[in-house]
C-alpha cells in the first residue's frame, strides 16, 4: 500500500513535465516578444513619448478656466465727486461693484508665440519617432539574443552528450586496459592513466551540467520566465545559413538599421531646441475672452448680473536675469554635442558591421575546418582502438586519439554556435531576419 501511494505521488509530481510540450525556436521568439522585461520597458517609453507629443499639441488649443469664489471680506472703492455747491469741498462716496458670489469663465487662445509651441510639438514628434525606432531596435536585439541563448542551451546539452560519449569511450578503454593488464601485456602505469582519464571526464560532466543550468537561466530571463520554471527545447544547431554578400549587407544596413534612422531625428531635435530658445525673445500674442456672473444671494438669481470682455493680450518679457541668452547658448552647445555624437555613432555602427562581416566569414571557414577535423578524429580513434587491442599502439597513443575525438567534436559544435551568433549580429545591425537553415 505504501509503495503504491509513493508511486502515485511521483506520477502526480511528474505530470506537469509529461504534459509540457518542447519549445521550438519560433515559440521562444514569440515568448520573448511578449514577455521580455527590457522590451516591455522600451514599449512603455514609446507610450510615454506619444503622451508627450499629445501634451505638446495641446498648447495649440485654447485654455478654458472656470473660477467660483465667495468673497469673505472686502474693501469697497471710494469715488470722489465735486461738490454741487460752489466753495464746498468735494464729496467722497463708497461704491460697491463687487458681489459676494462670483463665477468667472476665461478662455485664452494663443495666436503667436514666436514659434515656441510649434518647435516643441515638432521636437516631441521627433522624440516619438526615435522611441518607435528604439522599440524596433530592441526587438531586433532581443530576437538575436534569444536565438543565441536558445542555441546556447542546445550547445550546452550537446557538449554534455560529447562528454558522456567520451566518458563511455574512456570506460571501455579502461576495461580493455584491465583485460590486458591481467594478460600481462601492459604495465600498471597504463591502468592509472586510464582511471585518471575516467575521473577527469566525470569532473567535466559536472561542469557541463552547471553550464546547462547557466544557459537555461539566461534563456528564461530573456523569455520573461521564472527561474524555477522548467524549460524543454526542441531543435538542433544550424549547420548552414543563407548566403550573404558585403554589398547586400551594406545596403540593408543603410536602409533598415533603426539606430541609423534615429540620427536624422536627433539632429532635428537639436535644431528645434535652438529655435525654442530663440522664440523666448519674441512677444506672445493671445486672444482672451472672459465672462463674469455674480450676485449677493443664492436664492434669487434674478438679482444677479453678468458681463464679458474680449481682448488681445500682447506680453513681452523685458528682463529675465540673462537666462534667455544662457538658454540659447545651452541649446547651441547641446546641438553641437548631438552632431558630434551622431557622427561618432554612425562611424561606430559601420565599423561594427565590418567587424561582424569579417567574423561571419571566419566562423564559416572555421565550421568547415572543424567538421573535417572531427570526421578524421572519428576514424583515427576507431583505428587506434583496434590497434591497441592488438598491441600495436601504446596507451598514450590511444589516449591522444581519444582526447582528440572529444575536443574536435566540441570545437565543431562551438564553431556552429559562433557562426550562428555572428549571423544574428548581422541581423541586428541590418534590421533584417534571415531565414533559418538547420
Protein backbone atom coordinates (compact mmCIF):
# COMPACT_ATOMS: atom_id res chain seq x y z
CA UNK A 1 0.00 0.00 0.00
CA UNK A 2 2.79 2.41 0.92
CA UNK A 3 4.65 1.60 -2.30
CA UNK A 4 1.51 2.25 -4.36
CA UNK A 5 0.98 5.61 -2.64
CA UNK A 6 4.58 6.65 -3.32
CA UNK A 7 4.29 5.71 -6.99
CA UNK A 8 1.05 7.70 -7.33
CA UNK A 9 2.63 10.77 -5.73
CA UNK A 10 5.66 10.52 -8.02
CA UNK A 11 3.36 10.24 -11.03
CA UNK A 12 1.35 13.30 -9.97
CA UNK A 13 4.52 15.35 -9.45
CA UNK A 14 5.82 14.39 -12.89
CA UNK A 15 2.56 15.17 -14.72
CA UNK A 16 3.49 18.84 -15.45
CA UNK A 17 6.71 17.73 -17.10
CA UNK A 18 4.96 14.98 -19.05
CA UNK A 19 2.28 17.41 -20.28
CA UNK A 20 4.74 20.16 -21.20
CA UNK A 21 5.45 20.39 -24.91
CA UNK A 22 9.04 21.01 -26.02
CA UNK A 23 9.58 24.60 -27.12
CA UNK A 24 10.99 25.33 -30.56
CA UNK A 25 12.78 28.49 -31.66
CA UNK A 26 9.66 30.17 -33.10
CA UNK A 27 7.79 29.71 -29.83
CA UNK A 28 10.75 31.03 -27.84
CA UNK A 29 10.89 34.15 -30.02
CA UNK A 30 7.16 34.69 -29.61
CA UNK A 31 7.50 34.49 -25.82
CA UNK A 32 10.42 36.92 -25.86
CA UNK A 33 8.49 39.46 -27.95
CA UNK A 34 5.63 39.34 -25.43
CA UNK A 35 7.32 38.99 -22.05
CA UNK A 36 10.91 40.27 -22.21
CA UNK A 37 11.31 42.90 -19.45
CA UNK A 38 13.70 45.09 -21.45
CA UNK A 39 11.35 45.15 -24.42
CA UNK A 40 8.37 45.98 -22.19
CA UNK A 41 10.33 48.92 -20.76
CA UNK A 42 11.11 50.21 -24.25
CA UNK A 43 7.45 49.96 -25.23
CA UNK A 44 6.49 51.90 -22.11
CA UNK A 45 8.94 54.64 -23.15
CA UNK A 46 7.28 54.71 -26.56
CA UNK A 47 3.86 55.26 -24.93
CA UNK A 48 5.40 57.98 -22.80
CA UNK A 49 6.78 59.73 -25.90
CA UNK A 50 3.34 59.52 -27.54
CA UNK A 51 1.86 61.18 -24.43
CA UNK A 52 4.47 63.96 -24.58
CA UNK A 53 3.57 64.64 -28.20
CA UNK A 54 -0.14 64.89 -27.35
CA UNK A 55 0.70 67.24 -24.49
CA UNK A 56 2.78 69.43 -26.82
CA UNK A 57 -0.08 69.61 -29.33
CA UNK A 58 -2.45 70.78 -26.60
CA UNK A 59 -0.52 74.08 -26.50
CA UNK A 60 -2.12 74.98 -29.86
CA UNK A 61 -5.62 74.71 -28.36
CA UNK A 62 -7.36 77.26 -26.13
CA UNK A 63 -7.16 77.07 -22.37
CA UNK A 64 -10.51 77.39 -20.56
CA UNK A 65 -10.61 78.04 -16.80
CA UNK A 66 -13.64 78.32 -14.53
CA UNK A 67 -13.44 80.02 -11.13
CA UNK A 68 -16.03 80.07 -8.32
CA UNK A 69 -15.40 82.44 -5.43
CA UNK A 70 -17.10 83.51 -2.21
CA UNK A 71 -15.95 86.97 -1.09
CA UNK A 72 -15.37 86.74 2.67
CA UNK A 73 -14.08 90.26 3.28
CA UNK A 74 -13.65 93.28 1.04
CA UNK A 75 -12.83 96.96 0.94
CA UNK A 76 -15.06 98.84 -1.46
CA UNK A 77 -13.93 101.56 -3.83
CA UNK A 78 -14.18 105.22 -2.82
CA UNK A 79 -15.01 107.71 -5.57
CA UNK A 80 -14.53 111.47 -5.23
CA UNK A 81 -17.25 113.74 -6.68
CA UNK A 82 -17.02 117.54 -7.00
CA UNK A 83 -19.35 119.49 -4.74
CA UNK A 84 -22.56 120.74 -6.24
CA UNK A 85 -22.34 123.82 -4.00
CA UNK A 86 -19.69 126.32 -5.06
CA UNK A 87 -16.96 126.67 -2.49
CA UNK A 88 -17.74 123.44 -0.70
CA UNK A 89 -15.16 120.59 -0.55
CA UNK A 90 -15.59 117.57 -2.89
CA UNK A 91 -17.66 114.65 -1.70
CA UNK A 92 -16.22 111.06 -1.32
CA UNK A 93 -18.63 108.19 -1.71
CA UNK A 94 -18.16 104.41 -1.36
CA UNK A 95 -19.43 102.39 -4.30
CA UNK A 96 -19.58 98.57 -4.12
CA UNK A 97 -19.11 96.97 -7.57
CA UNK A 98 -18.32 93.50 -6.27
CA UNK A 99 -20.76 90.84 -5.17
CA UNK A 100 -20.38 88.09 -2.59
CA UNK A 101 -20.61 85.19 -5.04
CA UNK A 102 -18.75 85.32 -8.34
CA UNK A 103 -18.35 82.93 -11.27
CA UNK A 104 -15.68 83.61 -13.87
CA UNK A 105 -15.11 81.73 -17.12
CA UNK A 106 -11.93 82.59 -19.05
CA UNK A 107 -10.67 81.27 -22.39
CA UNK A 108 -7.17 82.02 -23.73
CA UNK A 109 -6.19 81.19 -27.30
CA UNK A 110 -2.51 81.74 -28.20
CA UNK A 111 -2.13 83.37 -31.61
CA UNK A 112 1.62 83.93 -31.81
CA UNK A 113 4.40 82.50 -29.64
CA UNK A 114 7.41 83.15 -31.82
CA UNK A 115 7.49 79.50 -32.94
CA UNK A 116 7.97 78.15 -29.42
CA UNK A 117 4.85 75.97 -29.42
CA UNK A 118 5.42 74.71 -32.97
CA UNK A 119 9.04 73.82 -32.24
CA UNK A 120 8.05 71.99 -29.05
CA UNK A 121 5.42 69.98 -30.93
CA UNK A 122 7.84 69.07 -33.73
CA UNK A 123 10.50 68.13 -31.19
CA UNK A 124 8.01 65.85 -29.41
CA UNK A 125 7.13 64.26 -32.76
CA UNK A 126 10.79 63.52 -33.46
CA UNK A 127 11.18 62.10 -29.95
CA UNK A 128 8.18 59.81 -30.58
CA UNK A 129 9.74 58.66 -33.85
CA UNK A 130 13.00 57.89 -32.02
CA UNK A 131 11.09 55.95 -29.34
CA UNK A 132 9.38 53.82 -32.02
CA UNK A 133 12.71 53.12 -33.69
CA UNK A 134 14.25 52.22 -30.34
CA UNK A 135 11.47 49.67 -29.81
CA UNK A 136 12.28 48.19 -33.22
CA UNK A 137 15.99 48.16 -32.36
CA UNK A 138 15.31 46.48 -29.03
CA UNK A 139 13.13 43.88 -30.76
CA UNK A 140 15.97 43.08 -33.17
CA UNK A 141 18.41 42.88 -30.26
CA UNK A 142 16.15 40.65 -28.15
CA UNK A 143 15.47 38.42 -31.16
CA UNK A 144 19.21 37.92 -31.74
CA UNK A 145 19.92 37.38 -28.03
CA UNK A 146 17.04 34.91 -27.73
CA UNK A 147 18.31 32.91 -30.69
CA UNK A 148 21.82 32.90 -29.23
CA UNK A 149 20.51 31.86 -25.80
CA UNK A 150 18.24 29.18 -27.31
CA UNK A 151 21.11 27.63 -29.22
CA UNK A 152 23.36 28.21 -26.21
CA UNK A 153 21.20 25.74 -24.29
CA UNK A 154 21.34 23.32 -27.24
CA UNK A 155 25.13 23.73 -27.36
CA UNK A 156 25.50 23.07 -23.63
CA UNK A 157 23.39 19.92 -23.88
CA UNK A 158 25.22 18.70 -27.00
CA UNK A 159 28.54 19.34 -25.27
CA UNK A 160 27.38 17.27 -22.32
CA UNK A 161 26.46 14.49 -24.75
CA UNK A 162 30.00 14.67 -26.15
CA UNK A 163 31.42 14.36 -22.63
CA UNK A 164 29.13 11.40 -21.95
CA UNK A 165 30.33 9.65 -25.10
CA UNK A 166 33.92 10.44 -24.21
CA UNK A 167 33.29 9.06 -20.72
CA UNK A 168 31.79 5.93 -22.22
CA UNK A 169 34.81 5.52 -24.51
CA UNK A 170 37.15 6.09 -21.56
CA UNK A 171 35.36 3.44 -19.50
CA UNK A 172 35.56 1.00 -22.45
CA UNK A 173 39.27 1.72 -22.77
CA UNK A 174 39.63 1.25 -19.00
CA UNK A 175 38.11 -2.23 -19.33
CA UNK A 176 40.44 -3.06 -22.20
CA UNK A 177 43.42 -1.88 -20.14
CA UNK A 178 42.36 -4.07 -17.23
CA UNK A 179 42.00 -7.07 -19.53
CA UNK A 180 45.47 -6.57 -20.99
CA UNK A 181 46.89 -5.97 -17.52
CA UNK A 182 45.59 -9.40 -16.49
CA UNK A 183 47.22 -10.87 -19.58
CA UNK A 184 50.47 -9.21 -18.58
CA UNK A 185 50.95 -7.39 -21.88
CA UNK A 186 51.00 -3.88 -20.36
CA UNK A 187 52.19 -2.18 -17.22
CA UNK A 188 50.18 -0.80 -14.32
CA UNK A 189 51.03 2.73 -15.46
CA UNK A 190 48.53 2.41 -18.32
CA UNK A 191 45.79 1.46 -15.86
CA UNK A 192 46.48 4.52 -13.71
CA UNK A 193 46.29 6.75 -16.79
CA UNK A 194 43.02 5.17 -17.88
CA UNK A 195 41.46 5.64 -14.44
CA UNK A 196 42.65 9.26 -14.30
CA UNK A 197 41.04 9.86 -17.69
CA UNK A 198 37.71 8.49 -16.44
CA UNK A 199 37.82 10.68 -13.32
CA UNK A 200 38.75 13.73 -15.39
CA UNK A 201 35.72 13.24 -17.64
CA UNK A 202 33.42 12.75 -14.64
CA UNK A 203 34.55 16.15 -13.35
CA UNK A 204 33.99 17.64 -16.81
CA UNK A 205 30.48 16.21 -16.79
CA UNK A 206 29.68 18.05 -13.54
CA UNK A 207 30.89 21.30 -15.09
CA UNK A 208 28.80 20.58 -18.19
CA UNK A 209 25.65 20.21 -16.09
CA UNK A 210 26.39 23.56 -14.44
CA UNK A 211 26.81 25.19 -17.87
CA UNK A 212 23.39 23.84 -18.91
CA UNK A 213 21.76 25.42 -15.84
CA UNK A 214 23.51 28.73 -16.56
CA UNK A 215 22.42 28.71 -20.23
CA UNK A 216 18.83 27.83 -19.29
CA UNK A 217 18.65 30.66 -16.74
CA UNK A 218 19.85 33.13 -19.37
CA UNK A 219 17.14 31.95 -21.76
CA UNK A 220 14.46 32.13 -19.05
CA UNK A 221 15.45 35.72 -18.28
CA UNK A 222 15.11 36.71 -21.93
CA UNK A 223 11.73 34.97 -22.22
CA UNK A 224 10.40 36.59 -19.05
CA UNK A 225 10.06 33.21 -17.30
CA UNK A 226 10.65 32.41 -13.66
CA UNK A 227 13.94 30.80 -12.73
CA UNK A 228 12.09 27.89 -11.10
CA UNK A 229 10.15 27.07 -14.27
CA UNK A 230 11.25 24.09 -16.34
CA UNK A 231 12.15 24.60 -19.97
CA UNK A 232 12.13 21.88 -22.62
CA UNK A 233 13.61 22.69 -26.02
CA UNK A 234 13.47 21.01 -29.40
CA UNK A 235 15.92 21.85 -32.15
CA UNK A 236 19.43 21.40 -33.48
CA UNK A 237 22.34 23.74 -34.00
CA UNK A 238 22.05 25.20 -37.53
CA UNK A 239 24.82 23.88 -39.77
CA UNK A 240 24.17 26.28 -42.64
CA UNK A 241 22.98 29.86 -43.17
CA UNK A 242 21.73 31.80 -46.20
CA UNK A 243 24.47 33.17 -48.47
CA UNK A 244 25.35 36.77 -47.65
CA UNK A 245 27.27 39.45 -49.54
CA UNK A 246 29.03 42.55 -48.25
CA UNK A 247 27.19 44.80 -50.70
CA UNK A 248 23.79 43.42 -49.75
CA UNK A 249 24.52 43.81 -46.05
CA UNK A 250 25.67 47.40 -46.52
CA UNK A 251 22.51 48.23 -48.44
CA UNK A 252 20.29 46.58 -45.81
CA UNK A 253 22.26 48.31 -43.04
CA UNK A 254 21.72 51.78 -44.50
CA UNK A 255 18.05 51.17 -45.18
CA UNK A 256 16.95 49.13 -42.17
CA UNK A 257 19.17 49.84 -39.16
CA UNK A 258 16.87 51.52 -36.59
CA UNK A 259 19.70 53.27 -34.74
CA UNK A 260 20.93 54.75 -38.02
CA UNK A 261 17.43 56.05 -38.75
CA UNK A 262 17.32 57.86 -35.40
CA UNK A 263 20.32 60.02 -36.30
CA UNK A 264 18.39 62.44 -38.52
CA UNK A 265 15.69 62.82 -35.83
CA UNK A 266 18.33 63.56 -33.19
CA UNK A 267 19.81 66.27 -35.41
CA UNK A 268 16.38 67.84 -35.98
CA UNK A 269 15.69 67.86 -32.25
CA UNK A 270 18.96 69.75 -31.71
CA UNK A 271 17.95 72.39 -34.28
CA UNK A 272 14.46 72.68 -32.78
CA UNK A 273 15.87 73.29 -29.30
CA UNK A 274 17.82 76.25 -30.69
CA UNK A 275 14.61 77.60 -32.27
CA UNK A 276 12.76 77.21 -28.97
CA UNK A 277 15.45 79.21 -27.20
CA UNK A 278 15.23 81.98 -29.83
CA UNK A 279 11.44 82.03 -29.59
CA UNK A 280 11.64 83.20 -25.97
CA UNK A 281 12.95 86.54 -27.29
CA UNK A 282 9.66 87.24 -29.13
CA UNK A 283 6.42 88.56 -27.61
CA UNK A 284 3.37 86.38 -27.11
CA UNK A 285 0.02 87.38 -28.59
CA UNK A 286 -3.16 85.81 -27.21
CA UNK A 287 -6.89 86.24 -27.63
CA UNK A 288 -8.58 86.32 -24.22
CA UNK A 289 -12.30 86.06 -23.53
CA UNK A 290 -13.73 86.48 -20.02
CA UNK A 291 -17.29 86.06 -18.81
CA UNK A 292 -18.36 87.05 -15.26
CA UNK A 293 -21.58 86.24 -13.43
CA UNK A 294 -22.06 87.47 -9.87
CA UNK A 295 -24.59 88.23 -7.18
CA UNK A 296 -25.18 88.58 -3.44
CA UNK A 297 -27.62 85.75 -2.75
CA UNK A 298 -28.08 82.16 -3.76
CA UNK A 299 -31.90 82.21 -3.51
CA UNK A 300 -32.85 84.82 -6.08
CA UNK A 301 -30.74 84.59 -9.24
CA UNK A 302 -32.81 87.32 -10.88
CA UNK A 303 -30.73 89.82 -8.91
CA UNK A 304 -27.50 88.50 -10.40
CA UNK A 305 -25.87 90.26 -13.32
CA UNK A 306 -23.18 89.34 -15.89
CA UNK A 307 -20.71 90.97 -18.17
CA UNK A 308 -17.89 89.84 -20.51
CA UNK A 309 -14.74 91.11 -22.18
CA UNK A 310 -12.83 90.04 -25.29
CA UNK A 311 -9.30 91.34 -25.61
CA UNK A 312 -5.98 90.88 -27.38
CA UNK A 313 -3.10 90.46 -24.97
CA UNK A 314 0.48 91.14 -26.00
CA UNK A 315 3.05 90.10 -23.42
CA UNK A 316 6.78 90.68 -23.67
CA UNK A 317 9.46 89.72 -21.14
CA UNK A 318 11.79 92.69 -20.85
CA UNK A 319 14.35 91.23 -18.48
CA UNK A 320 14.81 87.75 -17.06
CA UNK A 321 18.23 87.94 -15.47
CA UNK A 322 20.02 86.88 -18.65
CA UNK A 323 18.51 83.37 -18.50
CA UNK A 324 17.19 83.54 -22.07
CA UNK A 325 20.64 84.18 -23.51
CA UNK A 326 22.02 81.41 -21.35
CA UNK A 327 19.30 79.04 -22.59
CA UNK A 328 20.27 79.91 -26.16
CA UNK A 329 23.92 79.08 -25.52
CA UNK A 330 22.93 75.81 -23.82
CA UNK A 331 20.73 74.83 -26.77
CA UNK A 332 23.51 75.52 -29.27
CA UNK A 333 26.00 73.53 -27.21
CA UNK A 334 23.55 70.62 -27.00
CA UNK A 335 23.03 70.74 -30.76
CA UNK A 336 26.80 70.63 -31.37
CA UNK A 337 27.09 67.74 -28.92
CA UNK A 338 24.35 65.84 -30.77
CA UNK A 339 26.08 66.40 -34.11
CA UNK A 340 29.34 65.03 -32.76
CA UNK A 341 27.58 62.07 -31.13
CA UNK A 342 25.69 61.32 -34.35
CA UNK A 343 28.88 61.26 -36.38
CA UNK A 344 30.58 59.01 -33.82
CA UNK A 345 27.60 56.65 -33.69
CA UNK A 346 27.46 56.37 -37.49
CA UNK A 347 31.17 55.53 -37.65
CA UNK A 348 30.81 53.05 -34.78
CA UNK A 349 27.90 51.23 -36.45
CA UNK A 350 29.71 50.99 -39.79
CA UNK A 351 32.83 49.69 -38.04
CA UNK A 352 30.74 47.14 -36.14
CA UNK A 353 29.17 45.98 -39.39
CA UNK A 354 32.62 45.44 -40.93
CA UNK A 355 33.80 43.52 -37.85
CA UNK A 356 30.70 41.31 -37.82
CA UNK A 357 31.10 40.57 -41.51
CA UNK A 358 34.74 39.53 -41.01
CA UNK A 359 33.73 37.39 -38.06
CA UNK A 360 30.94 35.75 -40.07
CA UNK A 361 33.39 34.79 -42.83
CA UNK A 362 35.93 33.50 -40.29
CA UNK A 363 33.35 31.38 -38.43
CA UNK A 364 32.03 29.99 -41.70
CA UNK A 365 35.53 28.79 -42.63
CA UNK A 366 36.08 27.50 -39.11
CA UNK A 367 32.95 25.33 -39.35
CA UNK A 368 34.31 23.68 -42.50
CA UNK A 369 37.71 23.03 -40.92
CA UNK A 370 36.41 21.68 -37.60
CA UNK A 371 33.90 19.44 -39.35
CA UNK A 372 36.67 17.84 -41.41
CA UNK A 373 38.86 17.52 -38.30
CA UNK A 374 36.09 15.77 -36.39
CA UNK A 375 35.47 13.29 -39.18
CA UNK A 376 39.19 12.43 -39.29
CA UNK A 377 39.30 12.12 -35.48
CA UNK A 378 36.43 9.62 -35.54
CA UNK A 379 38.27 7.40 -37.97
CA UNK A 380 41.55 7.90 -36.10
CA UNK A 381 40.04 6.75 -32.78
CA UNK A 382 38.39 3.74 -34.38
CA UNK A 383 41.71 2.59 -35.85
CA UNK A 384 43.63 3.40 -32.65
CA UNK A 385 41.25 1.32 -30.51
CA UNK A 386 41.62 -1.65 -32.84
CA UNK A 387 45.40 -1.30 -32.92
CA UNK A 388 45.61 -1.05 -29.13
CA UNK A 389 43.60 -4.25 -28.71
CA UNK A 390 46.17 -5.99 -30.93
CA UNK A 391 49.08 -4.50 -29.03
CA UNK A 392 50.27 -2.33 -31.92
CA UNK A 393 49.89 1.00 -30.06
CA UNK A 394 50.72 2.25 -26.58
CA UNK A 395 48.09 3.61 -24.24
CA UNK A 396 49.49 7.11 -24.75
CA UNK A 397 48.68 6.93 -28.46
CA UNK A 398 45.17 5.67 -27.71
CA UNK A 399 44.59 8.39 -25.13
CA UNK A 400 45.71 11.09 -27.55
CA UNK A 401 43.25 9.93 -30.19
CA UNK A 402 40.51 9.67 -27.57
CA UNK A 403 41.11 13.23 -26.36
CA UNK A 404 41.31 14.49 -29.96
CA UNK A 405 37.93 12.92 -30.76
CA UNK A 406 36.16 14.76 -27.93
CA UNK A 407 37.98 18.03 -28.49
CA UNK A 408 37.33 18.16 -32.24
CA UNK A 409 33.62 17.45 -31.72
CA UNK A 410 33.40 20.17 -29.10
CA UNK A 411 35.23 22.60 -31.39
CA UNK A 412 32.85 21.72 -34.22
CA UNK A 413 29.79 22.36 -32.04
CA UNK A 414 31.29 25.61 -30.75
CA UNK A 415 32.06 26.78 -34.30
CA UNK A 416 28.44 26.10 -35.33
CA UNK A 417 27.25 28.20 -32.41
CA UNK A 418 29.70 31.03 -33.12
CA UNK A 419 28.69 31.08 -36.80
CA UNK A 420 25.04 31.30 -35.76
CA UNK A 421 25.66 34.17 -33.31
CA UNK A 422 27.68 36.04 -35.97
CA UNK A 423 24.68 35.70 -38.29
CA UNK A 424 22.34 37.03 -35.60
CA UNK A 425 24.64 40.02 -35.01
CA UNK A 426 24.35 40.87 -38.70
CA UNK A 427 20.56 40.55 -38.41
CA UNK A 428 20.56 43.09 -35.60
CA UNK A 429 22.75 45.57 -37.49
CA UNK A 430 20.76 45.35 -40.72
CA UNK A 431 17.32 45.26 -39.10
CA UNK A 432 16.60 42.03 -41.01
CA UNK A 433 15.72 38.47 -40.10
CA UNK A 434 17.40 35.83 -42.25
CA UNK A 435 15.60 32.52 -42.80
CA UNK A 436 16.72 29.71 -40.52
CA UNK A 437 18.67 26.87 -42.16
CA UNK A 438 19.09 23.83 -39.98
